[in-house]
Each structure stands twice: as C-alpha cells, then as structure tokens.
C-alpha cells in the first residue's frame, strides 16, 4: 500500500513501480477497445550482418518495458501486430514509450532490443555478428589516402556504424592531412562503417567500409575528384 506523504515513513518504491506498470498495461488494453479509429503507426526493425547484408529476422515478441513476460502480440493482437520485421500499432498508444522487441532468425537466433518510440513511422536497425581476428582488439585503425582535391584548410574525416540503432560506439573523428593521408583509431567493433570526408561544415563524400577487429584496416585510395568544395 502507499504511505502518506506527510508521514516520516518512506515510500515503497518497488510497489509504486509495479502499480505504475500495471496501470500502463490496463491503459493499453482500454486503448485497444476504445480507440478503434486511431491512425496506424509502424516500426521497422531490419537486422543486418556485419557486412551490411539484410537478414531474414521476424518480430516474435513485443513487450512493455519492465514487463517482458507479457507479449503484446498475443494478449492484444487487435492493438499490436507484426509482419516480418515490422510492427503496427495505433498512434495514440505506444508513442513516447519504450518497448522491448524480440526478433528471431531462420536458425533460431534471437535478438532483443529496447526501443523508444518517438515518431510515426520509425526505423531502428539492428546489427548482429562482428568481424574479428586475433590481434590487438583494444584499438582498431582505419587508414588510407584521399585524392583528387587540394587538402588545405579544415579537412576532416568521421566514421560511425552504418547499422544498429542501439550501438554504444561513438563516432570517430580525425584529420585529412595535406598529402591526403588519414588515420582513425579507437575502441570500435568489427562491422560496416559509414566514413564521411568533409571540409569546414560541408560533407564532401561518404563511403562504406568493412572494419575488422584485430587488423590494420587500410581502405586504400579514396578518390574525391568531382566533389571538391
């Protein structure tokens, strides 16, 4: 039970959380009964391997945050439905809430991701697997040489994971030297990266690069001719 705010006894926080989660689930059930004419939103959760190839995964479970034993696809099929890697739901029920998505691959592999629903429609990609060799796994380097432009002034390079909405890896920043050479090093994972070359506030060219942990990733010569600022 809840305690009086004016008393000296503290609230039972765990009880408060249980009551809140139960109230949210009740609201969702009522919304499924009452809001029959609400607009339909969708969330696409495509799954890619480390090379950026799309994999055949399907959504098998959708749960409220903190209530993973509940599958909304089963208890409220008229409210939340799934088709492959896409789920559909009324726009006035789940937006601005966190849901937990379970996806299953053809070989039984499962991926579980919490996702904050912020817009309609929404896309939140997932990356599984990693390129990895034996070697230095603490720091990975992406290096090469840009050509086709005069590299004077504030030339920069930036790399970030191409796929994976919940990736914890931050983008890497580096310089493009006057001779065009560049090198980016950091604690990154073995996957496909989007590498952007730019000058001042203008992006000049973006390329895709497969990065392997445990080796020196030399991308060779990157021709920027025709895109020079």
C-alpha atoms as a PDB file:
ATOM      1  CA  UNK A   1       0.000   0.000   0.000  1.00  0.00           C
ATOM      2  CA  UNK A   2       1.040   3.635  -0.438  1.00  0.00           C
ATOM      3  CA  UNK A   3       2.136   5.586   2.609  1.00  0.00           C
ATOM      4  CA  UNK A   4       1.015   9.090   3.491  1.00  0.00           C
ATOM      5  CA  UNK A   5       3.261  11.782   2.008  1.00  0.00           C
ATOM      6  CA  UNK A   6       3.238  13.688   5.283  1.00  0.00           C
ATOM      7  CA  UNK A   7       4.382  10.698   7.309  1.00  0.00           C
ATOM      8  CA  UNK A   8       8.007  10.057   8.173  1.00  0.00           C
ATOM      9  CA  UNK A   9       7.942   6.581   6.603  1.00  0.00           C
ATOM     10  CA  UNK A  10       9.496   6.256   3.118  1.00  0.00           C
ATOM     11  CA  UNK A  11       7.562   5.132   0.038  1.00  0.00           C
ATOM     12  CA  UNK A  12       7.868   1.530  -1.080  1.00  0.00           C
ATOM     13  CA  UNK A  13       9.417   2.297  -4.484  1.00  0.00           C
ATOM     14  CA  UNK A  14       9.099  -1.279  -5.763  1.00  0.00           C
ATOM     15  CA  UNK A  15       5.354  -1.274  -5.077  1.00  0.00           C
ATOM     16  CA  UNK A  16       4.994   2.064  -6.874  1.00  0.00           C
ATOM     17  CA  UNK A  17       6.727   0.665  -9.957  1.00  0.00           C
ATOM     18  CA  UNK A  18       4.549  -2.437 -10.043  1.00  0.00           C
ATOM     19  CA  UNK A  19       1.384  -0.353  -9.763  1.00  0.00           C
ATOM     20  CA  UNK A  20       2.593   2.037 -12.491  1.00  0.00           C
ATOM     21  CA  UNK A  21       3.394  -0.801 -14.916  1.00  0.00           C
ATOM     22  CA  UNK A  22       0.037  -2.453 -14.245  1.00  0.00           C
ATOM     23  CA  UNK A  23      -1.781   0.822 -14.843  1.00  0.00           C
ATOM     24  CA  UNK A  24       0.075   1.309 -18.151  1.00  0.00           C
ATOM     25  CA  UNK A  25      -0.893  -2.175 -19.343  1.00  0.00           C
ATOM     26  CA  UNK A  26      -4.508  -1.515 -18.350  1.00  0.00           C
ATOM     27  CA  UNK A  27      -4.452   1.730 -20.329  1.00  0.00           C
ATOM     28  CA  UNK A  28      -3.150  -0.115 -23.383  1.00  0.00           C
ATOM     29  CA  UNK A  29      -5.955  -2.674 -23.142  1.00  0.00           C
ATOM     30  CA  UNK A  30      -8.562   0.082 -22.840  1.00  0.00           C
ATOM     31  CA  UNK A  31      -6.987   1.893 -25.781  1.00  0.00           C
ATOM     32  CA  UNK A  32      -7.313  -1.247 -27.891  1.00  0.00           C
ATOM     33  CA  UNK A  33     -11.010  -1.437 -27.029  1.00  0.00           C
ATOM     34  CA  UNK A  34     -11.933   2.236 -27.289  1.00  0.00           C
ATOM     35  CA  UNK A  35      -9.642   3.713 -29.934  1.00  0.00           C
ATOM     36  CA  UNK A  36     -10.828   1.687 -32.900  1.00  0.00           C
ATOM     37  CA  UNK A  37     -10.415   4.569 -35.361  1.00  0.00           C
ATOM     38  CA  UNK A  38      -6.891   5.687 -34.398  1.00  0.00           C
ATOM     39  CA  UNK A  39      -4.298   6.118 -37.141  1.00  0.00           C
ATOM     40  CA  UNK A  40      -1.943   3.161 -37.548  1.00  0.00           C
ATOM     41  CA  UNK A  41       1.783   3.644 -36.930  1.00  0.00           C
ATOM     42  CA  UNK A  42       4.603   1.285 -37.813  1.00  0.00           C
ATOM     43  CA  UNK A  43       8.072   0.449 -36.530  1.00  0.00           C
ATOM     44  CA  UNK A  44      10.528  -1.298 -38.861  1.00  0.00           C
ATOM     45  CA  UNK A  45      13.419  -3.168 -37.185  1.00  0.00           C
ATOM     46  CA  UNK A  46      15.629  -4.509 -40.006  1.00  0.00           C
ATOM     47  CA  UNK A  47      18.511  -6.780 -38.991  1.00  0.00           C
ATOM     48  CA  UNK A  48      21.886  -6.660 -40.783  1.00  0.00           C
ATOM     49  CA  UNK A  49      25.054  -8.710 -40.511  1.00  0.00           C
ATOM     50  CA  UNK A  50      28.499  -7.164 -40.031  1.00  0.00           C
ATOM     51  CA  UNK A  51      28.844  -6.622 -43.821  1.00  0.00           C
ATOM     52  CA  UNK A  52      25.555  -4.756 -44.058  1.00  0.00           C
ATOM     53  CA  UNK A  53      23.598  -7.626 -45.639  1.00  0.00           C
ATOM     54  CA  UNK A  54      19.957  -7.703 -44.567  1.00  0.00           C
ATOM     55  CA  UNK A  55      18.989 -10.878 -42.698  1.00  0.00           C
ATOM     56  CA  UNK A  56      15.653 -12.680 -42.537  1.00  0.00           C
ATOM     57  CA  UNK A  57      14.527 -11.913 -38.985  1.00  0.00           C
ATOM     58  CA  UNK A  58      10.940 -11.586 -37.790  1.00  0.00           C
ATOM     59  CA  UNK A  59       9.420  -9.947 -34.732  1.00  0.00           C
ATOM     60  CA  UNK A  60       8.194 -12.668 -32.378  1.00  0.00           C
ATOM     61  CA  UNK A  61       7.596 -10.671 -29.209  1.00  0.00           C
ATOM     62  CA  UNK A  62       6.716  -7.102 -28.219  1.00  0.00           C
ATOM     63  CA  UNK A  63       6.756  -6.293 -24.504  1.00  0.00           C
ATOM     64  CA  UNK A  64       6.280  -3.183 -22.370  1.00  0.00           C
ATOM     65  CA  UNK A  65       9.450  -2.034 -20.649  1.00  0.00           C
ATOM     66  CA  UNK A  66       9.785  -3.833 -17.327  1.00  0.00           C
ATOM     67  CA  UNK A  67       7.120  -6.427 -18.242  1.00  0.00           C
ATOM     68  CA  UNK A  68       8.975  -8.801 -20.556  1.00  0.00           C
ATOM     69  CA  UNK A  69       6.780 -11.728 -19.543  1.00  0.00           C
ATOM     70  CA  UNK A  70       3.930 -10.046 -21.476  1.00  0.00           C
ATOM     71  CA  UNK A  71       3.755 -10.392 -25.255  1.00  0.00           C
ATOM     72  CA  UNK A  72       1.508  -7.682 -26.684  1.00  0.00           C
ATOM     73  CA  UNK A  73       1.269  -9.630 -29.949  1.00  0.00           C
ATOM     74  CA  UNK A  74      -0.562 -12.374 -28.035  1.00  0.00           C
ATOM     75  CA  UNK A  75      -2.559 -10.527 -25.376  1.00  0.00           C
ATOM     76  CA  UNK A  76      -3.622  -7.636 -27.632  1.00  0.00           C
ATOM     77  CA  UNK A  77      -3.455  -8.808 -31.258  1.00  0.00           C
ATOM     78  CA  UNK A  78      -6.096  -6.210 -32.238  1.00  0.00           C
ATOM     79  CA  UNK A  79      -3.786  -3.477 -30.938  1.00  0.00           C
ATOM     80  CA  UNK A  80      -0.242  -4.603 -31.822  1.00  0.00           C
ATOM     81  CA  UNK A  81       0.567  -6.824 -34.828  1.00  0.00           C
ATOM     82  CA  UNK A  82       3.748  -7.942 -36.581  1.00  0.00           C
ATOM     83  CA  UNK A  83       4.642  -8.713 -40.183  1.00  0.00           C
ATOM     84  CA  UNK A  84       8.245  -9.839 -40.629  1.00  0.00           C
ATOM     85  CA  UNK A  85      10.473  -7.163 -39.063  1.00  0.00           C
ATOM     86  CA  UNK A  86       7.672  -4.568 -38.894  1.00  0.00           C
ATOM     87  CA  UNK A  87       5.127  -3.977 -36.136  1.00  0.00           C
ATOM     88  CA  UNK A  88       1.954  -1.886 -36.385  1.00  0.00           C
ATOM     89  CA  UNK A  89       0.054  -0.134 -33.590  1.00  0.00           C
ATOM     90  CA  UNK A  90      -2.380   2.799 -33.078  1.00  0.00           C
ATOM     91  CA  UNK A  91      -0.531   6.110 -32.897  1.00  0.00           C
ATOM     92  CA  UNK A  92      -2.095   7.143 -29.573  1.00  0.00           C
ATOM     93  CA  UNK A  93      -0.951   4.139 -27.526  1.00  0.00           C
ATOM     94  CA  UNK A  94       2.778   3.383 -27.685  1.00  0.00           C
ATOM     95  CA  UNK A  95       4.380   6.617 -28.917  1.00  0.00           C
ATOM     96  CA  UNK A  96       6.853   8.180 -26.436  1.00  0.00           C
ATOM     97  CA  UNK A  97       7.155   4.856 -24.611  1.00  0.00           C
ATOM     98  CA  UNK A  98       9.877   2.199 -24.512  1.00  0.00           C
ATOM     99  CA  UNK A  99       9.024  -1.251 -25.809  1.00  0.00           C
ATOM    100  CA  UNK A 100      11.219  -4.362 -25.915  1.00  0.00           C
ATOM    101  CA  UNK A 101      11.377  -6.112 -29.303  1.00  0.00           C
ATOM    102  CA  UNK A 102      12.412  -9.754 -29.736  1.00  0.00           C
ATOM    103  CA  UNK A 103      13.422 -10.821 -33.254  1.00  0.00           C
ATOM    104  CA  UNK A 104      14.115 -14.386 -34.370  1.00  0.00           C
ATOM    105  CA  UNK A 105      16.226 -15.561 -37.300  1.00  0.00           C
ATOM    106  CA  UNK A 106      15.761 -18.601 -39.512  1.00  0.00           C
ATOM    107  CA  UNK A 107      18.332 -20.583 -37.485  1.00  0.00           C
ATOM    108  CA  UNK A 108      16.677 -19.780 -34.154  1.00  0.00           C
ATOM    109  CA  UNK A 109      18.979 -16.882 -33.274  1.00  0.00           C
ATOM    110  CA  UNK A 110      17.260 -14.280 -31.091  1.00  0.00           C
ATOM    111  CA  UNK A 111      17.926 -10.559 -30.774  1.00  0.00           C
ATOM    112  CA  UNK A 112      16.304  -8.486 -28.020  1.00  0.00           C
ATOM    113  CA  UNK A 113      16.343  -4.672 -28.201  1.00  0.00           C
ATOM    114  CA  UNK A 114      14.611  -1.941 -26.189  1.00  0.00           C
ATOM    115  CA  UNK A 115      13.360   0.830 -28.481  1.00  0.00           C
ATOM    116  CA  UNK A 116      11.952   4.256 -27.629  1.00  0.00           C
ATOM    117  CA  UNK A 117       9.081   5.030 -29.994  1.00  0.00           C
ATOM    118  CA  UNK A 118       9.387   8.689 -30.939  1.00  0.00           C
ATOM    119  CA  UNK A 119       7.800   9.119 -34.369  1.00  0.00           C
ATOM    120  CA  UNK A 120       5.442   7.557 -36.861  1.00  0.00           C
ATOM    121  CA  UNK A 121       6.648   5.732 -38.906  1.00  0.00           C
ATOM    122  CA  UNK A 122      10.003   4.845 -37.320  1.00  0.00           C
ATOM    123  CA  UNK A 123      13.027   2.750 -38.318  1.00  0.00           C
ATOM    124  CA  UNK A 124      15.512   1.242 -35.850  1.00  0.00           C
ATOM    125  CA  UNK A 125      18.081  -1.052 -37.465  1.00  0.00           C
ATOM    126  CA  UNK A 126      19.951  -3.802 -35.617  1.00  0.00           C
ATOM    127  CA  UNK A 127      23.396  -5.244 -36.382  1.00  0.00           C
ATOM    128  CA  UNK A 128      24.377  -8.797 -35.399  1.00  0.00           C
ATOM    129  CA  UNK A 129      27.754 -10.534 -35.711  1.00  0.00           C
ATOM    130  CA  UNK A 130      31.209  -8.986 -35.892  1.00  0.00           C
ATOM    131  CA  UNK A 131      34.395  -9.095 -37.995  1.00  0.00           C
ATOM    132  CA  UNK A 132      37.205 -10.184 -35.678  1.00  0.00           C
ATOM    133  CA  UNK A 133      40.708 -11.640 -35.968  1.00  0.00           C
ATOM    134  CA  UNK A 134      43.365 -12.428 -33.392  1.00  0.00           C
ATOM    135  CA  UNK A 135      45.463  -9.384 -32.590  1.00  0.00           C
ATOM    136  CA  UNK A 136      45.085  -6.017 -30.876  1.00  0.00           C
ATOM    137  CA  UNK A 137      41.402  -5.849 -30.004  1.00  0.00           C
ATOM    138  CA  UNK A 138      41.682  -2.700 -27.887  1.00  0.00           C
ATOM    139  CA  UNK A 139      42.333  -0.237 -30.686  1.00  0.00           C
ATOM    140  CA  UNK A 140      41.261  -0.518 -34.294  1.00  0.00           C
ATOM    141  CA  UNK A 141      42.646   1.729 -37.033  1.00  0.00           C
ATOM    142  CA  UNK A 142      41.061   2.818 -40.308  1.00  0.00           C
ATOM    143  CA  UNK A 143      43.625   4.340 -42.638  1.00  0.00           C
ATOM    144  CA  UNK A 144      44.106   5.281 -46.256  1.00  0.00           C
ATOM    145  CA  UNK A 145      44.674   8.251 -48.558  1.00  0.00           C
ATOM    146  CA  UNK A 146      42.245  10.659 -50.172  1.00  0.00           C
ATOM    147  CA  UNK A 147      42.994  12.029 -53.644  1.00  0.00           C
ATOM    148  CA  UNK A 148      41.527  14.379 -56.233  1.00  0.00           C
ATOM    149  CA  UNK A 149      41.406  17.596 -54.155  1.00  0.00           C
ATOM    150  CA  UNK A 150      43.783  20.104 -52.572  1.00  0.00           C
ATOM    151  CA  UNK A 151      43.746  19.238 -48.894  1.00  0.00           C
ATOM    152  CA  UNK A 152      44.440  22.627 -47.365  1.00  0.00           C
ATOM    153  CA  UNK A 153      42.258  24.100 -44.641  1.00  0.00           C
ATOM    154  CA  UNK A 154      39.970  22.263 -42.253  1.00  0.00           C
ATOM    155  CA  UNK A 155      39.595  18.838 -43.885  1.00  0.00           C
ATOM    156  CA  UNK A 156      38.196  16.148 -41.611  1.00  0.00           C
ATOM    157  CA  UNK A 157      37.058  12.527 -41.618  1.00  0.00           C
ATOM    158  CA  UNK A 158      34.373  10.926 -39.463  1.00  0.00           C
ATOM    159  CA  UNK A 159      33.352   7.271 -39.083  1.00  0.00           C
ATOM    160  CA  UNK A 160      30.285   5.765 -37.450  1.00  0.00           C
ATOM    161  CA  UNK A 161      28.479   2.397 -37.525  1.00  0.00           C
ATOM    162  CA  UNK A 162      26.267   2.133 -40.617  1.00  0.00           C
ATOM    163  CA  UNK A 163      23.628  -0.003 -38.896  1.00  0.00           C
ATOM    164  CA  UNK A 164      22.472  -0.614 -35.348  1.00  0.00           C
ATOM    165  CA  UNK A 165      20.188   1.843 -33.593  1.00  0.00           C
ATOM    166  CA  UNK A 166      21.410   0.762 -30.163  1.00  0.00           C
ATOM    167  CA  UNK A 167      25.135   0.767 -30.876  1.00  0.00           C
ATOM    168  CA  UNK A 168      27.107   2.154 -27.947  1.00  0.00           C
ATOM    169  CA  UNK A 169      30.045   3.103 -30.146  1.00  0.00           C
ATOM    170  CA  UNK A 170      30.653   6.805 -30.638  1.00  0.00           C
ATOM    171  CA  UNK A 171      31.699   8.285 -33.955  1.00  0.00           C
ATOM    172  CA  UNK A 172      35.440   8.664 -34.580  1.00  0.00           C
ATOM    173  CA  UNK A 173      36.887  11.979 -35.739  1.00  0.00           C
ATOM    174  CA  UNK A 174      40.176  12.589 -37.494  1.00  0.00           C
ATOM    175  CA  UNK A 175      42.111  14.824 -39.884  1.00  0.00           C
ATOM    176  CA  UNK A 176      42.825  14.540 -43.570  1.00  0.00           C
ATOM    177  CA  UNK A 177      46.481  15.583 -43.828  1.00  0.00           C
ATOM    178  CA  UNK A 178      47.748  17.954 -46.568  1.00  0.00           C
ATOM    179  CA  UNK A 179      49.039  14.953 -48.543  1.00  0.00           C
ATOM    180  CA  UNK A 180      45.617  13.263 -48.294  1.00  0.00           C
ATOM    181  CA  UNK A 181      46.553  10.590 -45.762  1.00  0.00           C
ATOM    182  CA  UNK A 182      44.215   9.862 -42.873  1.00  0.00           C
ATOM    183  CA  UNK A 183      44.022   7.515 -39.888  1.00  0.00           C
ATOM    184  CA  UNK A 184      41.268   6.925 -37.356  1.00  0.00           C
ATOM    185  CA  UNK A 185      41.905   4.824 -34.238  1.00  0.00           C
ATOM    186  CA  UNK A 186      39.616   3.860 -31.401  1.00  0.00           C
ATOM    187  CA  UNK A 187      37.829   1.136 -29.469  1.00  0.00           C
ATOM    188  CA  UNK A 188      35.349   0.189 -32.160  1.00  0.00           C
ATOM    189  CA  UNK A 189      33.638  -3.026 -33.197  1.00  0.00           C
ATOM    190  CA  UNK A 190      34.073  -5.128 -36.312  1.00  0.00           C
ATOM    191  CA  UNK A 191      31.204  -4.084 -38.550  1.00  0.00           C
ATOM    192  CA  UNK A 192      30.360  -1.936 -41.564  1.00  0.00           C
ATOM    193  CA  UNK A 193      31.092   1.763 -41.070  1.00  0.00           C
ATOM    194  CA  UNK A 194      29.949   4.905 -42.824  1.00  0.00           C
ATOM    195  CA  UNK A 195      33.051   7.052 -43.391  1.00  0.00           C
ATOM    196  CA  UNK A 196      32.446  10.705 -44.273  1.00  0.00           C
ATOM    197  CA  UNK A 197      35.031  13.120 -45.707  1.00  0.00           C
ATOM    198  CA  UNK A 198      34.383  16.819 -45.331  1.00  0.00           C
ATOM    199  CA  UNK A 199      35.797  20.322 -45.216  1.00  0.00           C
ATOM    200  CA  UNK A 200      34.641  23.020 -42.793  1.00  0.00           C
ATOM    201  CA  UNK A 201      30.883  22.443 -42.350  1.00  0.00           C
ATOM    202  CA  UNK A 202      30.345  20.673 -45.676  1.00  0.00           C
ATOM    203  CA  UNK A 203      30.335  16.852 -46.098  1.00  0.00           C
ATOM    204  CA  UNK A 204      32.119  16.031 -49.362  1.00  0.00           C
ATOM    205  CA  UNK A 205      31.796  12.263 -49.817  1.00  0.00           C
ATOM    206  CA  UNK A 206      30.677   9.205 -47.863  1.00  0.00           C
ATOM    207  CA  UNK A 207      31.837   5.621 -48.383  1.00  0.00           C
ATOM    208  CA  UNK A 208      31.089   2.274 -46.752  1.00  0.00           C
ATOM    209  CA  UNK A 209      33.960   0.387 -45.116  1.00  0.00           C
ATOM    210  CA  UNK A 210      34.038  -3.087 -43.524  1.00  0.00           C
ATOM    211  CA  UNK A 211      36.120  -2.836 -40.347  1.00  0.00           C
ATOM    212  CA  UNK A 212      37.753  -5.930 -38.801  1.00  0.00           C
ATOM    213  CA  UNK A 213      38.892  -6.042 -35.176  1.00  0.00           C
ATOM    214  CA  UNK A 214      42.452  -7.292 -34.785  1.00  0.00           C
ATOM    215  CA  UNK A 215      43.929  -5.942 -38.016  1.00  0.00           C
ATOM    216  CA  UNK A 216      45.004  -2.695 -39.665  1.00  0.00           C
ATOM    217  CA  UNK A 217      42.110  -1.671 -41.907  1.00  0.00           C
ATOM    218  CA  UNK A 218      43.645   0.055 -44.938  1.00  0.00           C
ATOM    219  CA  UNK A 219      40.929   1.267 -47.324  1.00  0.00           C
ATOM    220  CA  UNK A 220      43.467   2.358 -49.961  1.00  0.00           C
ATOM    221  CA  UNK A 221      42.942   5.428 -52.127  1.00  0.00           C
ATOM    222  CA  UNK A 222      39.618   7.270 -51.944  1.00  0.00           C
ATOM    223  CA  UNK A 223      39.019   9.459 -54.998  1.00  0.00           C
ATOM    224  CA  UNK A 224      37.183  12.699 -54.158  1.00  0.00           C
ATOM    225  CA  UNK A 225      37.566  14.232 -57.623  1.00  0.00           C
ATOM    226  CA  UNK A 226      34.376  15.897 -58.771  1.00  0.00           C
ATOM    227  CA  UNK A 227      33.274  16.589 -55.189  1.00  0.00           C
ATOM    228  CA  UNK A 228      35.930  19.103 -54.112  1.00  0.00           C
ATOM    229  CA  UNK A 229      34.482  22.161 -52.311  1.00  0.00           C
END
